[in-house]
């Protein structure tokens, strides 16, 4: 009986215990490769916008890896009241990129970090009072948020499949058949391993797809190693390297984004527990998770790291393979921590072509969307509920699909509401859920 207990505690499907490393290593690597592009790309985009030099750009990327590693460790294992203690990857997030680029383009990098500190404080306050605020986020509203997150990620997956946003000399143009071939082969391998294999290969289907896709891309000359040659061997972060400035308009914009992304974190944590643990997250888990998000962002601002949030693509992986063991996520964080100190190592990870990442994550984003639908369905598809969900998603997705639809408003309105379908859909779902009469009370 004792032997069975030990065996169960060491399963990758249980949060506690240390499973065999032959299972932990591929599953941990899978989370690294799924997150790596999302970790480094915001730093690349912001660096270009604010005009950083090549060494400073490298520094920003390295700190992004370090902050992601530390935030994930704290989120998974917890430090006092900080951290949800759930299998969730936290890191520098795409969700803030439109706002970061707007602030960076109008001001500078120190202004971004100042606004980030204010936003982090807002997230911490939101987390502390979450128990009182959770009434505004029933399963139907949270399901709408998760559903919209999944929809909003589809264009990212397709953009990556078509070649991504980064082009190199002598590489095919965006939309080339070469990119699509690699992406579809990667996608096919993921689907095959997910549904036609067993054991570790089934659990690490995303990693298997990326390995095959990477090998094919390498044979087709689609892998760029220039970053590896230029990267150094060791780099340690320096506090306040870029400085910090506080600009009211930038702080307000970032504060709004942190509230919205706190709701997204609620959605990701709920998706994790609903999809893998068959329960909703507790108030303590949600509070700790959001406080971790805010704290990591504040600490990151002092070292040159950009805003953090939960990683929906990694949540999707957990939802697909049901692997929730903390050791797997600890290994993933440790790999990114090493990458953060060793630029050569992180540069190797960034050689994975965008088309490979896109082909590997498309099924993940689809799983996120379907998790949202399942939560919405659990609340009942009544006329009132379908109106709340349908109208919220329609307005959120519609506004972001029409370029310039908010052109008549101040720039900050377009920055906050016109760049993310999740923002509008979340706010609309909350408002409609409050004002529409309950069934039987019309």
Protein backbone atom coordinates (compact mmCIF):
# COMPACT_ATOMS: atom_id res chain seq x y z
CA UNK A 1 0.00 0.00 0.00
CA UNK A 2 2.85 2.34 0.79
CA UNK A 3 4.52 1.49 -2.52
CA UNK A 4 1.35 2.43 -4.45
CA UNK A 5 1.18 5.73 -2.59
CA UNK A 6 4.75 6.58 -3.53
CA UNK A 7 4.11 5.61 -7.14
CA UNK A 8 1.06 7.87 -7.33
CA UNK A 9 2.89 10.82 -5.79
CA UNK A 10 5.59 10.48 -8.45
CA UNK A 11 3.18 10.60 -11.40
CA UNK A 12 3.35 13.46 -13.92
CA UNK A 13 -0.42 13.69 -13.50
CA UNK A 14 -0.09 14.64 -9.82
CA UNK A 15 1.23 18.02 -8.67
CA UNK A 16 3.46 16.60 -5.92
CA UNK A 17 6.36 14.20 -6.14
CA UNK A 18 9.29 13.76 -8.54
CA UNK A 19 8.47 11.61 -11.60
CA UNK A 20 11.16 9.77 -13.62
CA UNK A 21 13.46 12.24 -15.35
CA UNK A 22 12.93 10.48 -18.69
CA UNK A 23 9.39 11.88 -18.49
CA UNK A 24 10.19 15.20 -16.82
CA UNK A 25 12.88 16.32 -19.30
CA UNK A 26 10.86 16.13 -22.56
CA UNK A 27 7.74 17.52 -20.88
CA UNK A 28 9.70 20.41 -19.37
CA UNK A 29 11.43 21.14 -22.68
CA UNK A 30 8.05 21.21 -24.34
CA UNK A 31 6.98 24.11 -22.13
CA UNK A 32 10.24 25.93 -22.83
CA UNK A 33 9.93 25.74 -26.60
CA UNK A 34 6.24 26.69 -26.45
CA UNK A 35 7.03 29.80 -24.40
CA UNK A 36 10.40 30.89 -25.76
CA UNK A 37 9.16 32.90 -28.75
CA UNK A 38 6.58 34.63 -26.58
CA UNK A 39 9.26 35.46 -24.03
CA UNK A 40 11.81 37.04 -26.35
CA UNK A 41 9.61 38.61 -29.04
CA UNK A 42 8.12 41.43 -26.91
CA UNK A 43 11.67 42.48 -25.97
CA UNK A 44 12.68 42.47 -29.63
CA UNK A 45 9.67 44.58 -30.66
CA UNK A 46 10.08 47.09 -27.82
CA UNK A 47 13.83 47.36 -28.45
CA UNK A 48 13.19 48.28 -32.07
CA UNK A 49 10.53 50.82 -31.12
CA UNK A 50 12.68 52.71 -28.59
CA UNK A 51 15.85 52.38 -30.69
CA UNK A 52 18.09 50.34 -28.39
CA UNK A 53 21.60 49.38 -29.42
CA UNK A 54 22.40 45.72 -30.19
CA UNK A 55 23.99 45.05 -26.75
CA UNK A 56 21.04 46.66 -24.94
CA UNK A 57 18.62 44.66 -27.07
CA UNK A 58 20.40 41.46 -26.05
CA UNK A 59 20.27 42.57 -22.42
CA UNK A 60 16.49 43.12 -22.62
CA UNK A 61 16.01 39.64 -24.06
CA UNK A 62 18.17 38.03 -21.36
CA UNK A 63 16.28 39.75 -18.54
CA UNK A 64 13.00 38.63 -20.12
CA UNK A 65 14.17 35.03 -19.78
CA UNK A 66 15.29 35.55 -16.18
CA UNK A 67 12.05 37.23 -15.12
CA UNK A 68 10.03 34.50 -16.81
CA UNK A 69 12.01 31.83 -14.94
CA UNK A 70 11.68 33.49 -11.54
CA UNK A 71 8.00 34.36 -12.00
CA UNK A 72 7.22 30.77 -13.02
CA UNK A 73 9.05 29.31 -10.02
CA UNK A 74 7.22 31.63 -7.62
CA UNK A 75 3.89 30.99 -9.31
CA UNK A 76 4.30 27.19 -9.20
CA UNK A 77 5.88 26.75 -5.76
CA UNK A 78 4.82 29.96 -3.99
CA UNK A 79 6.56 32.35 -1.61
CA UNK A 80 4.31 33.26 1.30
CA UNK A 81 1.12 34.82 -0.11
CA UNK A 82 2.69 35.20 -3.55
CA UNK A 83 1.97 32.54 -6.17
CA UNK A 84 -1.02 30.36 -7.05
CA UNK A 85 0.97 27.13 -6.50
CA UNK A 86 -0.59 25.80 -9.70
CA UNK A 87 1.12 24.43 -12.84
CA UNK A 88 1.18 27.69 -14.77
CA UNK A 89 3.99 29.34 -16.72
CA UNK A 90 4.32 33.08 -16.05
CA UNK A 91 6.43 35.33 -18.20
CA UNK A 92 6.89 38.45 -20.30
CA UNK A 93 3.65 38.66 -22.21
CA UNK A 94 2.42 39.53 -25.70
CA UNK A 95 -0.76 40.87 -24.10
CA UNK A 96 0.92 44.15 -23.18
CA UNK A 97 2.81 44.66 -26.45
CA UNK A 98 0.40 47.13 -28.14
CA UNK A 99 0.43 49.37 -25.05
CA UNK A 100 4.20 49.02 -24.62
CA UNK A 101 4.83 50.01 -28.23
CA UNK A 102 2.49 52.98 -27.94
CA UNK A 103 4.23 54.22 -24.77
CA UNK A 104 7.70 53.49 -26.13
CA UNK A 105 6.97 55.24 -29.41
CA UNK A 106 5.63 58.36 -27.71
CA UNK A 107 8.02 58.43 -24.74
CA UNK A 108 10.90 56.02 -24.01
CA UNK A 109 11.90 52.80 -22.25
CA UNK A 110 12.20 54.30 -18.72
CA UNK A 111 8.58 55.53 -19.08
CA UNK A 112 7.51 51.97 -19.86
CA UNK A 113 9.15 50.72 -16.67
CA UNK A 114 7.57 53.48 -14.58
CA UNK A 115 4.10 52.68 -15.94
CA UNK A 116 4.84 49.00 -15.38
CA UNK A 117 5.49 49.58 -11.68
CA UNK A 118 2.17 51.41 -11.29
CA UNK A 119 0.39 48.65 -13.20
CA UNK A 120 2.00 46.01 -11.01
CA UNK A 121 0.76 47.78 -7.88
CA UNK A 122 -2.75 47.89 -9.36
CA UNK A 123 -2.58 44.15 -10.02
CA UNK A 124 -1.51 43.47 -6.43
CA UNK A 125 -4.43 45.53 -5.07
CA UNK A 126 -6.78 43.73 -7.47
CA UNK A 127 -5.48 40.40 -6.20
CA UNK A 128 -5.85 41.33 -2.54
CA UNK A 129 -9.51 42.31 -3.00
CA UNK A 130 -10.26 39.53 -5.48
CA UNK A 131 -12.58 37.69 -3.08
CA UNK A 132 -14.87 40.71 -3.07
CA UNK A 133 -14.46 41.23 -6.82
CA UNK A 134 -14.88 37.59 -7.85
CA UNK A 135 -18.67 38.00 -7.93
CA UNK A 136 -18.13 39.91 -11.18
CA UNK A 137 -16.43 36.89 -12.76
CA UNK A 138 -18.77 33.88 -12.72
CA UNK A 139 -17.97 30.90 -14.99
CA UNK A 140 -19.89 32.45 -17.87
CA UNK A 141 -17.83 35.66 -17.80
CA UNK A 142 -14.56 33.83 -17.24
CA UNK A 143 -15.47 31.38 -20.00
CA UNK A 144 -16.07 34.32 -22.34
CA UNK A 145 -12.62 35.67 -21.48
CA UNK A 146 -10.95 32.29 -22.15
CA UNK A 147 -12.92 31.85 -25.37
CA UNK A 148 -11.87 35.29 -26.59
CA UNK A 149 -8.24 34.65 -25.59
CA UNK A 150 -8.27 31.54 -27.78
CA UNK A 151 -9.80 33.43 -30.71
CA UNK A 152 -7.30 36.27 -30.33
CA UNK A 153 -4.38 33.82 -30.50
CA UNK A 154 -5.39 32.30 -33.84
CA UNK A 155 -4.01 35.18 -35.92
CA UNK A 156 -0.71 34.86 -34.03
CA UNK A 157 -0.50 31.15 -34.87
CA UNK A 158 -1.34 31.74 -38.54
CA UNK A 159 1.10 34.68 -38.75
CA UNK A 160 3.84 32.42 -37.40
CA UNK A 161 2.88 29.62 -39.79
CA UNK A 162 3.23 32.07 -42.68
CA UNK A 163 6.74 33.06 -41.59
CA UNK A 164 6.31 35.29 -38.55
CA UNK A 165 7.20 38.96 -38.29
CA UNK A 166 11.00 38.68 -38.47
CA UNK A 167 12.57 38.37 -41.92
CA UNK A 168 16.21 37.73 -42.77
CA UNK A 169 18.26 38.32 -45.89
CA UNK A 170 17.90 35.51 -48.46
CA UNK A 171 14.94 34.03 -46.55
CA UNK A 172 11.58 33.44 -48.28
CA UNK A 173 9.01 36.23 -48.20
CA UNK A 174 6.14 36.18 -45.72
CA UNK A 175 3.51 33.64 -46.80
CA UNK A 176 5.94 31.45 -48.75
CA UNK A 177 4.95 27.83 -49.45
CA UNK A 178 8.16 26.77 -47.69
CA UNK A 179 6.94 28.22 -44.39
CA UNK A 180 3.54 26.62 -44.83
CA UNK A 181 5.04 23.24 -45.66
CA UNK A 182 7.13 23.23 -42.48
CA UNK A 183 4.18 24.52 -40.43
CA UNK A 184 1.76 21.88 -41.73
CA UNK A 185 4.26 19.03 -41.25
CA UNK A 186 4.78 20.23 -37.66
CA UNK A 187 1.02 20.46 -37.16
CA UNK A 188 0.50 16.95 -38.60
CA UNK A 189 3.14 15.45 -36.29
CA UNK A 190 1.49 17.08 -33.25
CA UNK A 191 -1.93 15.73 -34.22
CA UNK A 192 -0.54 12.26 -34.95
CA UNK A 193 1.33 12.01 -31.65
CA UNK A 194 -1.64 13.39 -29.70
CA UNK A 195 -4.17 10.91 -31.05
CA UNK A 196 -2.29 7.88 -32.38
CA UNK A 197 0.53 7.29 -29.90
CA UNK A 198 0.89 6.48 -26.21
CA UNK A 199 3.19 7.24 -23.29
CA UNK A 200 5.74 10.06 -23.29
CA UNK A 201 5.41 10.62 -27.05
CA UNK A 202 1.71 11.35 -26.64
CA UNK A 203 2.31 13.65 -23.66
CA UNK A 204 5.15 15.51 -25.41
CA UNK A 205 3.38 15.76 -28.77
CA UNK A 206 4.12 19.49 -29.06
CA UNK A 207 7.85 18.89 -28.54
CA UNK A 208 7.82 16.02 -31.06
CA UNK A 209 6.22 18.28 -33.64
CA UNK A 210 8.76 21.02 -33.01
CA UNK A 211 11.71 18.61 -33.33
CA UNK A 212 10.47 17.24 -36.66
CA UNK A 213 9.55 20.72 -37.91
CA UNK A 214 12.91 22.13 -36.87
CA UNK A 215 14.77 19.33 -38.67
CA UNK A 216 12.77 19.97 -41.84
CA UNK A 217 13.30 23.72 -41.59
CA UNK A 218 17.03 23.13 -41.13
CA UNK A 219 17.16 21.00 -44.29
CA UNK A 220 15.29 23.73 -46.19
CA UNK A 221 17.65 26.46 -45.02
CA UNK A 222 15.05 28.25 -42.88
CA UNK A 223 17.07 28.36 -39.65
CA UNK A 224 19.13 31.47 -38.90
CA UNK A 225 22.17 30.96 -36.63
CA UNK A 226 23.52 34.52 -36.78
CA UNK A 227 22.27 35.31 -33.27
CA UNK A 228 24.21 32.36 -31.84
CA UNK A 229 27.50 33.61 -33.25
CA UNK A 230 26.96 37.13 -31.95
CA UNK A 231 25.85 36.13 -28.43
CA UNK A 232 28.24 36.17 -25.48
CA UNK A 233 28.93 33.40 -22.97
CA UNK A 234 27.76 35.07 -19.76
CA UNK A 235 25.75 38.16 -18.85
CA UNK A 236 24.49 39.25 -15.43
CA UNK A 237 21.56 41.72 -15.15
CA UNK A 238 22.31 45.21 -13.82
CA UNK A 239 19.64 47.02 -11.75
CA UNK A 240 18.30 50.32 -13.10
CA UNK A 241 20.36 50.04 -16.26
CA UNK A 242 17.78 52.04 -18.24
CA UNK A 243 16.28 54.16 -15.45
CA UNK A 244 12.63 54.74 -14.51
CA UNK A 245 10.23 57.60 -15.31
CA UNK A 246 6.63 58.16 -14.26
CA UNK A 247 4.33 59.75 -16.85
CA UNK A 248 0.65 59.94 -15.73
CA UNK A 249 -0.91 59.13 -19.13
CA UNK A 250 1.34 56.10 -19.57
CA UNK A 251 0.65 54.93 -16.02
CA UNK A 252 -3.13 55.10 -16.53
CA UNK A 253 -2.95 53.13 -19.78
CA UNK A 254 -0.80 50.44 -18.19
CA UNK A 255 -3.01 50.28 -15.08
CA UNK A 256 -6.04 49.51 -17.24
CA UNK A 257 -4.10 46.82 -19.05
CA UNK A 258 -3.07 45.20 -15.77
CA UNK A 259 -6.68 45.00 -14.60
CA UNK A 260 -7.69 43.38 -17.87
CA UNK A 261 -4.75 40.99 -17.82
CA UNK A 262 -5.54 40.10 -14.22
CA UNK A 263 -8.88 38.90 -15.53
CA UNK A 264 -7.01 36.96 -18.21
CA UNK A 265 -4.92 35.38 -15.45
CA UNK A 266 -8.14 34.37 -13.71
CA UNK A 267 -9.17 32.77 -16.99
CA UNK A 268 -5.87 30.92 -17.39
CA UNK A 269 -5.83 29.68 -13.79
CA UNK A 270 -9.45 28.60 -14.12
CA UNK A 271 -8.69 26.85 -17.40
CA UNK A 272 -5.84 25.01 -15.68
CA UNK A 273 -7.89 23.75 -12.75
CA UNK A 274 -11.03 23.04 -14.78
CA UNK A 275 -9.18 21.26 -17.57
CA UNK A 276 -6.74 19.26 -15.43
CA UNK A 277 -7.92 19.15 -11.82
CA UNK A 278 -11.70 19.09 -12.48
CA UNK A 279 -12.42 22.00 -10.16
CA UNK A 280 -12.49 25.77 -10.06
CA UNK A 281 -9.54 27.61 -8.49
CA UNK A 282 -9.87 28.77 -4.91
CA UNK A 283 -9.86 32.44 -3.92
CA UNK A 284 -6.44 31.91 -2.34
CA UNK A 285 -5.01 30.47 -5.57
CA UNK A 286 -6.40 33.29 -7.69
CA UNK A 287 -5.23 35.95 -5.24
CA UNK A 288 -1.73 34.48 -5.06
CA UNK A 289 -1.55 34.16 -8.83
CA UNK A 290 -2.49 37.78 -9.51
CA UNK A 291 -0.22 39.09 -6.75
CA UNK A 292 2.62 37.09 -8.34
CA UNK A 293 1.88 38.71 -11.68
CA UNK A 294 2.04 42.20 -10.19
CA UNK A 295 5.10 41.52 -8.04
CA UNK A 296 7.08 39.99 -10.91
CA UNK A 297 6.31 43.02 -13.06
CA UNK A 298 7.49 45.46 -10.40
CA UNK A 299 10.72 43.56 -9.76
CA UNK A 300 11.24 43.16 -13.48
CA UNK A 301 10.95 46.91 -14.07
CA UNK A 302 13.97 47.56 -11.84
CA UNK A 303 16.10 45.06 -13.78
CA UNK A 304 14.89 45.78 -17.31
CA UNK A 305 12.21 43.09 -17.61
CA UNK A 306 8.89 43.77 -19.34
CA UNK A 307 5.38 43.09 -17.89
CA UNK A 308 4.46 39.51 -17.02
CA UNK A 309 1.27 37.48 -17.33
CA UNK A 310 0.22 33.85 -17.45
CA UNK A 311 1.02 32.04 -20.70
CA UNK A 312 -2.16 30.81 -22.38
CA UNK A 313 -0.23 28.61 -24.83
CA UNK A 314 1.34 26.69 -21.94
CA UNK A 315 -2.02 26.47 -20.20
CA UNK A 316 -3.28 24.90 -23.40
CA UNK A 317 -0.50 22.30 -23.31
CA UNK A 318 -1.45 21.35 -19.77
CA UNK A 319 -5.08 21.11 -20.81
CA UNK A 320 -4.11 18.79 -23.67
CA UNK A 321 -1.71 16.41 -21.91
CA UNK A 322 -3.03 16.72 -18.31
CA UNK A 323 0.54 16.92 -16.95
CA UNK A 324 0.43 19.04 -13.78
CA UNK A 325 3.51 17.89 -11.85
CA UNK A 326 5.43 20.84 -10.38
CA UNK A 327 8.80 19.25 -11.14
CA UNK A 328 8.07 19.55 -14.87
CA UNK A 329 7.46 23.28 -14.53
CA UNK A 330 10.42 23.69 -12.20
CA UNK A 331 12.68 22.15 -14.85
CA UNK A 332 11.23 24.43 -17.54
CA UNK A 333 11.91 27.46 -15.32
CA UNK A 334 15.45 26.24 -14.57
CA UNK A 335 16.22 25.92 -18.29
CA UNK A 336 15.05 29.49 -18.91
CA UNK A 337 17.04 30.66 -15.88
CA UNK A 338 20.20 29.18 -17.39
CA UNK A 339 19.31 30.74 -20.72
CA UNK A 340 18.99 34.09 -18.98
CA UNK A 341 22.58 33.96 -17.77
CA UNK A 342 24.06 32.29 -20.85
CA UNK A 343 23.22 34.25 -24.01
CA UNK A 344 24.67 31.53 -26.26
CA UNK A 345 22.18 29.03 -24.88
CA UNK A 346 19.19 31.35 -25.20
CA UNK A 347 20.26 32.26 -28.74
CA UNK A 348 20.03 28.57 -29.72
CA UNK A 349 16.45 28.45 -28.44
CA UNK A 350 15.55 31.51 -30.51
CA UNK A 351 16.66 29.80 -33.73
CA UNK A 352 13.41 27.84 -33.83
CA UNK A 353 11.64 29.27 -36.90
CA UNK A 354 8.30 30.99 -36.38
CA UNK A 355 6.61 28.62 -38.83
CA UNK A 356 7.53 25.69 -36.58
CA UNK A 357 6.14 27.42 -33.49
CA UNK A 358 2.95 28.33 -35.36
CA UNK A 359 2.36 24.78 -36.56
CA UNK A 360 2.98 23.38 -33.09
CA UNK A 361 0.77 25.80 -31.15
CA UNK A 362 -2.31 25.95 -33.40
CA UNK A 363 -3.85 22.94 -31.68
CA UNK A 364 -2.97 24.44 -28.31
CA UNK A 365 -4.87 27.64 -29.07
CA UNK A 366 -7.82 25.59 -30.29
CA UNK A 367 -7.86 23.76 -26.96
CA UNK A 368 -7.94 27.06 -25.08
CA UNK A 369 -10.93 28.17 -27.13
CA UNK A 370 -12.80 24.93 -26.49
CA UNK A 371 -12.08 25.18 -22.75
CA UNK A 372 -13.84 28.55 -22.80
CA UNK A 373 -16.79 27.05 -24.66
CA UNK A 374 -17.01 24.26 -22.10
CA UNK A 375 -17.14 26.78 -19.24
CA UNK A 376 -19.80 28.80 -21.04
CA UNK A 377 -21.85 25.66 -21.65
CA UNK A 378 -21.55 24.68 -17.99
CA UNK A 379 -23.37 27.90 -17.08
CA UNK A 380 -26.25 26.95 -19.42
CA UNK A 381 -26.93 28.21 -22.92
CA UNK A 382 -29.98 30.24 -21.94
CA UNK A 383 -31.12 33.22 -24.05
CA UNK A 384 -29.61 35.60 -21.45
CA UNK A 385 -26.25 33.81 -21.32
CA UNK A 386 -25.93 33.49 -25.08
CA UNK A 387 -26.65 37.22 -25.37
CA UNK A 388 -23.92 38.07 -22.85
CA UNK A 389 -21.35 35.87 -24.57
CA UNK A 390 -22.37 36.56 -28.16
CA UNK A 391 -22.54 40.35 -27.85
CA UNK A 392 -19.30 40.56 -25.85
CA UNK A 393 -17.30 38.47 -28.30
CA UNK A 394 -18.90 40.15 -31.32
CA UNK A 395 -17.97 43.65 -30.16
CA UNK A 396 -14.51 42.68 -28.92
CA UNK A 397 -13.48 40.78 -32.03
CA UNK A 398 -15.30 43.18 -34.37
CA UNK A 399 -13.57 46.34 -33.18
CA UNK A 400 -10.10 44.85 -33.36
CA UNK A 401 -10.73 43.43 -36.84
CA UNK A 402 -11.56 46.84 -38.32
CA UNK A 403 -8.46 49.02 -38.51
CA UNK A 404 -9.14 52.64 -37.54
CA UNK A 405 -12.58 51.95 -36.08
CA UNK A 406 -11.68 54.07 -33.05
CA UNK A 407 -9.78 56.72 -35.01
CA UNK A 408 -12.10 59.49 -33.80
CA UNK A 409 -11.18 58.89 -30.15
CA UNK A 410 -8.04 59.97 -28.27
CA UNK A 411 -5.00 57.80 -28.96
CA UNK A 412 -5.07 56.22 -25.51
CA UNK A 413 -8.58 54.88 -26.18
CA UNK A 414 -7.35 53.11 -29.30
CA UNK A 415 -4.28 51.84 -27.42
CA UNK A 416 -6.30 50.35 -24.58
CA UNK A 417 -9.47 49.19 -26.34
CA UNK A 418 -8.58 48.89 -30.01
CA UNK A 419 -5.57 46.62 -29.74
CA UNK A 420 -7.00 43.64 -27.87
CA UNK A 421 -10.31 41.85 -28.37
CA UNK A 422 -9.95 40.46 -24.84
CA UNK A 423 -10.23 43.93 -23.27
CA UNK A 424 -13.55 44.86 -24.82
CA UNK A 425 -15.03 41.37 -24.56
CA UNK A 426 -14.13 41.19 -20.86
CA UNK A 427 -15.62 44.57 -19.99
CA UNK A 428 -18.77 43.89 -22.04
CA UNK A 429 -19.27 40.47 -20.43
CA UNK A 430 -19.01 41.98 -16.94
CA UNK A 431 -21.39 44.84 -17.73
CA UNK A 432 -23.99 42.72 -19.55
CA UNK A 433 -23.91 40.09 -16.82
CA UNK A 434 -24.74 42.81 -14.29
CA UNK A 435 -27.46 44.68 -16.18
CA UNK A 436 -29.34 41.97 -18.07
CA UNK A 437 -32.22 40.54 -16.02
CA UNK A 438 -31.83 37.03 -14.70
CA UNK A 439 -34.04 34.28 -16.11
CA UNK A 440 -37.46 34.38 -14.49
CA UNK A 441 -37.05 38.04 -13.42
CA UNK A 442 -37.95 39.78 -16.71
